[in-house]
C-alpha atoms as a PDB file:
ATOM      1  CA  MET A   1     101.678 106.346  91.759  1.00  0.00           C
ATOM      2  CA  ALA A   2     102.969 102.866  91.219  1.00  0.00           C
ATOM      3  CA  ALA A   3     105.921 103.729  93.397  1.00  0.00           C
ATOM      4  CA  ALA A   4     103.664 104.642  96.510  1.00  0.00           C
ATOM      5  CA  SER A   5     101.396 101.419  95.404  1.00  0.00           C
ATOM      6  CA  LEU A   6     104.608  99.286  95.664  1.00  0.00           C
ATOM      7  CA  LEU A   7     105.491 100.887  98.866  1.00  0.00           C
ATOM      8  CA  SER A   8     102.233 100.353 100.228  1.00  0.00           C
ATOM      9  CA  SER A   9     102.050  97.069  99.699  1.00  0.00           C
ATOM     10  CA  ALA A  10     105.210  95.826 101.486  1.00  0.00           C
ATOM     11  CA  CYS A  11     103.901  97.695 104.846  1.00  0.00           C
ATOM     12  CA  THR A  12     101.506  95.517 106.289  1.00  0.00           C
ATOM     13  CA  THR A  13     100.857  91.809 105.724  1.00  0.00           C
ATOM     14  CA  VAL A  14      97.552  89.787 106.529  1.00  0.00           C
ATOM     15  CA  GLU A  15      97.657  87.052 108.855  1.00  0.00           C
ATOM     16  CA  SER A  16      95.000  84.466 109.688  1.00  0.00           C
ATOM     17  CA  VAL A  17      95.697  83.867 113.663  1.00  0.00           C
ATOM     18  CA  PRO A  18      94.610  80.381 114.645  1.00  0.00           C
ATOM     19  CA  MET A  19      91.640  79.812 116.674  1.00  0.00           C
ATOM     20  CA  PRO A  20      92.603  77.594 119.760  1.00  0.00           C
ATOM     21  CA  ARG A  21      89.005  76.266 119.954  1.00  0.00           C
ATOM     22  CA  SER A  22      89.902  73.886 123.348  1.00  0.00           C
ATOM     23  CA  ASN A  23      90.678  77.165 124.991  1.00  0.00           C
ATOM     24  CA  PRO A  24      89.850  80.396 123.321  1.00  0.00           C
ATOM     25  CA  ARG A  25      91.624  82.512 125.725  1.00  0.00           C
ATOM     26  CA  GLU A  26      95.010  81.114 124.234  1.00  0.00           C
ATOM     27  CA  LEU A  27      93.878  83.639 121.429  1.00  0.00           C
ATOM     28  CA  ARG A  28      95.338  86.575 124.027  1.00  0.00           C
ATOM     29  CA  THR A  29      98.999  85.203 123.514  1.00  0.00           C
ATOM     30  CA  THR A  30      99.366  85.193 119.847  1.00  0.00           C
ATOM     31  CA  LEU A  31      97.655  88.888 119.391  1.00  0.00           C
ATOM     32  CA  ARG A  32      99.277  92.296 120.563  1.00  0.00           C
ATOM     33  CA  VAL A  33      97.507  95.461 121.276  1.00  0.00           C
ATOM     34  CA  GLY A  34      98.097  97.861 118.819  1.00  0.00           C
ATOM     35  CA  GLU A  35      97.420  95.427 115.997  1.00  0.00           C
ATOM     36  CA  THR A  36      94.408  95.633 113.755  1.00  0.00           C
ATOM     37  CA  VAL A  37      92.212  92.856 113.534  1.00  0.00           C
ATOM     38  CA  VAL A  38      89.217  91.562 111.481  1.00  0.00           C
ATOM     39  CA  VAL A  39      87.107  89.458 113.908  1.00  0.00           C
ATOM     40  CA  LYS A  40      84.031  87.473 112.579  1.00  0.00           C
ATOM     41  CA  ALA A  41      81.699  86.592 115.503  1.00  0.00           C
ATOM     42  CA  ILE A  42      79.550  83.673 116.222  1.00  0.00           C
ATOM     43  CA  ASP A  43      76.613  86.079 115.147  1.00  0.00           C
ATOM     44  CA  GLY A  44      78.020  86.299 111.886  1.00  0.00           C
ATOM     45  CA  HIS A  45      79.405  90.026 112.243  1.00  0.00           C
ATOM     46  CA  GLU A  46      82.753  91.031 110.909  1.00  0.00           C
ATOM     47  CA  ARG A  47      84.431  93.511 112.620  1.00  0.00           C
ATOM     48  CA  GLN A  48      87.659  95.500 111.850  1.00  0.00           C
ATOM     49  CA  PHE A  49      89.480  97.499 115.252  1.00  0.00           C
ATOM     50  CA  ARG A  50      92.726  98.128 116.368  1.00  0.00           C
ATOM     51  CA  ILE A  51      93.177  96.476 119.935  1.00  0.00           C
ATOM     52  CA  LEU A  52      93.235  98.523 122.795  1.00  0.00           C
ATOM     53  CA  ALA A  53      93.576  95.818 125.438  1.00  0.00           C
ATOM     54  CA  LEU A  54      93.415  92.159 125.511  1.00  0.00           C
ATOM     55  CA  GLU A  55      91.520  91.097 128.769  1.00  0.00           C
ATOM     56  CA  ASP A  56      91.557  87.879 130.509  1.00  0.00           C
ATOM     57  CA  ASP A  57      88.060  86.845 128.638  1.00  0.00           C
ATOM     58  CA  ALA A  58      87.730  89.482 125.817  1.00  0.00           C
ATOM     59  CA  ILE A  59      89.185  91.243 122.748  1.00  0.00           C
ATOM     60  CA  VAL A  60      88.732  95.155 123.514  1.00  0.00           C
ATOM     61  CA  GLY A  61      88.668  97.601 120.302  1.00  0.00           C
ATOM     62  CA  ARG A  62      87.627 101.656 120.893  1.00  0.00           C
ATOM     63  CA  HIS A  63      83.970 100.708 120.297  1.00  0.00           C
ATOM     64  CA  GLU A  64      84.166  96.919 120.837  1.00  0.00           C
ATOM     65  CA  ARG A  65      84.806  94.071 123.155  1.00  0.00           C
ATOM     66  CA  ILE A  66      84.318  90.816 121.989  1.00  0.00           C
ATOM     67  CA  SER A  67      84.373  87.797 124.076  1.00  0.00           C
ATOM     68  CA  TYR A  68      87.230  85.254 122.635  1.00  0.00           C
ATOM     69  CA  GLU A  69      84.734  82.404 123.122  1.00  0.00           C
ATOM     70  CA  ASP A  70      82.322  84.394 120.569  1.00  0.00           C
ATOM     71  CA  ILE A  71      85.176  84.457 118.197  1.00  0.00           C
ATOM     72  CA  ILE A  72      84.996  82.279 114.566  1.00  0.00           C
ATOM     73  CA  TRP A  73      88.243  83.807 113.378  1.00  0.00           C
ATOM     74  CA  VAL A  74      90.837  86.357 113.589  1.00  0.00           C
ATOM     75  CA  ASN A  75      93.357  87.737 111.147  1.00  0.00           C
ATOM     76  CA  THR A  76      95.582  90.218 111.997  1.00  0.00           C
ATOM     77  CA  ARG A  77      96.965  93.511 109.793  1.00  0.00           C
ATOM     78  CA  ARG A  78     100.927  93.459 110.977  1.00  0.00           C
ATOM     79  CA  THR A  79     103.590  95.663 109.756  1.00  0.00           C
ATOM     80  CA  ASP A  80     106.379  94.498 108.026  1.00  0.00           C
ATOM     81  CA  TYR A  81     109.266  97.505 108.703  1.00  0.00           C
ATOM     82  CA  LYS A  82     111.923  95.117 107.589  1.00  0.00           C
ATOM     83  CA  GLY A  83     110.025  94.689 104.128  1.00  0.00           C
ATOM     84  CA  THR A  84     109.389  98.375 103.930  1.00  0.00           C
ATOM     85  CA  GLY A  85     112.527  99.414 104.734  1.00  0.00           C
ATOM     86  CA  MET A  86     114.110  97.023 102.005  1.00  0.00           C
ATOM     87  CA  THR A  87     111.390  98.090  99.396  1.00  0.00           C
ATOM     88  CA  ILE A  88     112.064 101.942 100.227  1.00  0.00           C
ATOM     89  CA  LEU A  89     115.835 101.173 100.041  1.00  0.00           C
ATOM     90  CA  LEU A  90     115.597  99.795  96.714  1.00  0.00           C
ATOM     91  CA  ALA A  91     113.378 102.607  95.181  1.00  0.00           C
ATOM     92  CA  THR A  92     115.839 105.157  96.631  1.00  0.00           C
ATOM     93  CA  ALA A  93     118.450 103.309  94.718  1.00  0.00           C
ATOM     94  CA  PHE A  94     116.933 103.106  91.486  1.00  0.00           C
ATOM     95  CA  VAL A  95     115.990 106.528  91.428  1.00  0.00           C
ATOM     96  CA  VAL A  96     119.435 107.645  92.053  1.00  0.00           C
ATOM     97  CA  VAL A  97     121.173 105.057  89.538  1.00  0.00           C
ATOM     98  CA  PHE A  98     118.543 106.525  87.133  1.00  0.00           C
ATOM     99  CA  VAL A  99     119.325 110.383  87.711  1.00  0.00           C
ATOM    100  CA  ALA A 100     123.104 109.956  87.547  1.00  0.00           C
ATOM    101  CA  ALA A 101     122.366 107.909  84.040  1.00  0.00           C
ATOM    102  CA  LYS A 102     120.732 110.639  82.729  1.00  0.00           C
ATOM    103  CA  VAL A 103     123.128 113.181  83.777  1.00  0.00           C
ATOM    104  CA  LEU A 104     126.057 111.033  82.680  1.00  0.00           C
ATOM    105  CA  GLU A 105     123.781 111.054  79.301  1.00  0.00           C
ATOM    106  CA  ALA A 106     123.278 114.564  79.498  1.00  0.00           C
ATOM    107  CA  GLU A 107     127.078 115.458  79.714  1.00  0.00           C
ATOM    108  CA  ALA A 108     128.298 113.322  76.715  1.00  0.00           C
ATOM    109  CA  GLU A 109     125.875 114.982  74.924  1.00  0.00           C
ATOM    110  CA  ASP A 110     127.428 118.425  75.685  1.00  0.00           C
ATOM    111  CA  GLN A 111     130.915 116.942  74.683  1.00  0.00           C
ATOM    112  CA  TYR A 112     130.077 116.365  71.401  1.00  0.00           C
END
């Protein structure tokens, strides 16, 4: 359970994306298709969705289409593959060392 929690926390980071107020369409250059975003619009609603397209004037999800001008803020969820890989490597190394120590301990007890 603890290992699963550790692995899942290393996988994804939430980043706040700066809103270019002078030209909201510039937001398009900082987002990527496939990313999961949480968007707060000027109507006060927050929507979470995966970006399917970045049009000239809007972010498009499966059931969402939000104009860049209507966005107050955006947070993205980005997967950290390097951090996830290191976490898995370290967890695996820990398990191998632990099992090896138990095997050596058991062999030492059998000799006496």
